[in-house]
Structure formats: C-alpha cells, structure tokens
Amino acid sequence: MRVAEPRPQEAVAVLLGLDGRMASDTGRNHERELYANYFQIGYNAVEFLLDFGRQFEDTEQKLYQRIIMNPVHARILLRLLEESIRQYEAKYGPIPEDQDL
C-alpha cells in the first residue's frame, strides 16, 4: 500500500518596497531556503550584519548565512517584520513572548 507524502504548506512571502507598499507573493523561486532558529546581529557605522543559523538540543549553534545591509534597509526589514507579525497575530492569535521549542 502506498502512502501519500504530506504536502508542505505553501509559503507566502510578504514584500515591502522602498515606498512602504506591501504585496504578497507565492510560489517564488528562492535561490536557497534555510531553517533558522539562532540569530546574531552586529553593526558598525555603515552596515548591519544579520547571521542566521540553527541550534538544537545538545548541539552547538551553527551559522549558515550572513546578510549584510545598510541601515536604511535594516529599518525597512524591521518595518516588514513588525507588519508581518501584526498580520500573523490578527489571523492566528498572539505569539508568546517566551516559547520553548
């Protein structure tokens, strides 16, 4: 008997342009997708450095990707995250402040 593979949920990307307008996009071709649950952020006078990685129980954290952006784009990313969280919580309810995963 053949069991059907579970279908992953379709991801929805929320895009925010420099003009502040938001648009949803699905089915985009992504160069590389990674799961991240470990983050580090650094900055200097001209850029922000966002490191993404993974850490699981009994394992050391491992960084996989660094994104470097100027402060203007860091602020745009902050607005995008704030708006996305607001929309998520309106649809699914509040996200707990502290969550053991």
Protein backbone atom coordinates (compact mmCIF):
# COMPACT_ATOMS: atom_id res chain seq x y z
CA MET A 1 0.00 0.00 0.00
CA ARG A 2 1.38 3.37 -0.99
CA VAL A 3 1.05 6.23 1.47
CA ALA A 4 0.87 9.74 0.06
CA GLU A 5 3.61 12.10 1.16
CA PRO A 6 2.34 15.04 3.21
CA ARG A 7 2.21 18.24 1.22
CA PRO A 8 4.12 21.16 2.71
CA GLN A 9 2.15 24.31 3.33
CA GLU A 10 2.66 26.91 0.67
CA ALA A 11 4.84 29.72 1.92
CA VAL A 12 3.68 33.26 1.47
CA ALA A 13 6.30 35.97 1.10
CA VAL A 14 5.34 39.49 2.07
CA LEU A 15 7.25 42.07 0.10
CA LEU A 16 7.84 45.65 1.18
CA GLY A 17 9.23 48.14 -1.28
CA LEU A 18 11.11 51.31 -0.55
CA ASP A 19 7.83 53.19 -0.93
CA GLY A 20 6.39 51.23 2.00
CA ARG A 21 3.78 49.40 -0.05
CA MET A 22 3.27 45.75 0.78
CA ALA A 23 2.37 42.95 -1.62
CA SER A 24 2.04 39.21 -1.12
CA ASP A 25 3.79 36.77 -3.40
CA THR A 26 3.54 32.98 -3.53
CA GLY A 27 5.41 30.36 -5.45
CA ARG A 28 8.57 32.38 -5.98
CA ASN A 29 11.75 30.61 -6.92
CA HIS A 30 14.07 31.02 -3.97
CA GLU A 31 17.77 30.73 -4.51
CA ARG A 32 18.28 29.00 -1.18
CA GLU A 33 15.92 28.33 1.70
CA LEU A 34 17.18 27.58 5.20
CA TYR A 35 15.51 26.98 8.54
CA ALA A 36 16.91 29.27 11.22
CA ASN A 37 16.28 29.35 14.96
CA TYR A 38 19.53 31.01 16.02
CA PHE A 39 20.37 34.62 15.19
CA GLN A 40 23.14 37.11 15.78
CA ILE A 41 23.08 40.76 14.81
CA GLY A 42 26.02 43.12 14.60
CA TYR A 43 26.50 46.59 13.22
CA ASN A 44 29.01 49.31 12.54
CA ALA A 45 28.69 52.87 11.28
CA VAL A 46 27.67 51.85 7.74
CA GLU A 47 26.05 48.40 7.86
CA PHE A 48 24.10 45.80 9.81
CA LEU A 49 25.20 42.15 9.79
CA LEU A 50 22.48 39.54 10.31
CA ASP A 51 23.66 35.98 10.92
CA PHE A 52 21.22 33.07 10.64
CA GLY A 53 21.85 29.58 11.91
CA ARG A 54 20.49 26.56 13.75
CA GLN A 55 20.79 25.20 17.23
CA PHE A 56 19.06 22.12 18.58
CA GLU A 57 19.17 20.48 22.00
CA ASP A 58 22.61 19.21 22.91
CA THR A 59 24.21 20.74 19.81
CA GLU A 60 26.37 23.76 19.29
CA GLN A 61 24.90 26.57 17.24
CA LYS A 62 25.98 26.64 13.62
CA LEU A 63 25.76 29.75 11.46
CA TYR A 64 24.74 29.20 7.85
CA GLN A 65 24.11 32.58 6.29
CA ARG A 66 25.16 36.21 6.78
CA ILE A 67 23.16 39.06 5.30
CA ILE A 68 24.78 42.49 5.18
CA MET A 69 22.68 45.60 4.62
CA ASN A 70 22.86 49.34 5.10
CA PRO A 71 20.95 50.99 7.97
CA VAL A 72 18.14 52.21 5.68
CA HIS A 73 17.41 48.66 4.52
CA ALA A 74 17.69 47.37 8.10
CA ARG A 75 14.93 49.81 9.07
CA ILE A 76 12.81 48.58 6.12
CA LEU A 77 13.33 44.99 7.29
CA LEU A 78 12.27 45.99 10.81
CA ARG A 79 9.05 47.54 9.45
CA LEU A 80 8.38 44.45 7.36
CA LEU A 81 8.83 42.13 10.36
CA GLU A 82 6.62 44.32 12.56
CA GLU A 83 3.84 44.42 9.95
CA SER A 84 4.11 40.68 9.23
CA ILE A 85 3.87 39.85 12.95
CA ARG A 86 0.87 42.16 13.31
CA GLN A 87 -0.90 40.40 10.42
CA TYR A 88 0.08 36.94 11.73
CA GLU A 89 -1.29 37.70 15.21
CA ALA A 90 -4.51 39.12 13.76
CA LYS A 91 -5.03 35.84 11.92
CA TYR A 92 -3.62 33.23 14.34
CA GLY A 93 -3.53 34.93 17.75
CA PRO A 94 -0.72 36.32 19.87
CA ILE A 95 2.78 34.89 19.63
CA PRO A 96 4.07 34.03 23.13
CA GLU A 97 6.99 36.16 24.29
CA ASP A 98 8.93 33.14 25.54
CA GLN A 99 8.37 29.84 23.84
CA ASP A 100 10.18 26.58 24.42
CA LEU A 101 10.52 24.95 21.02
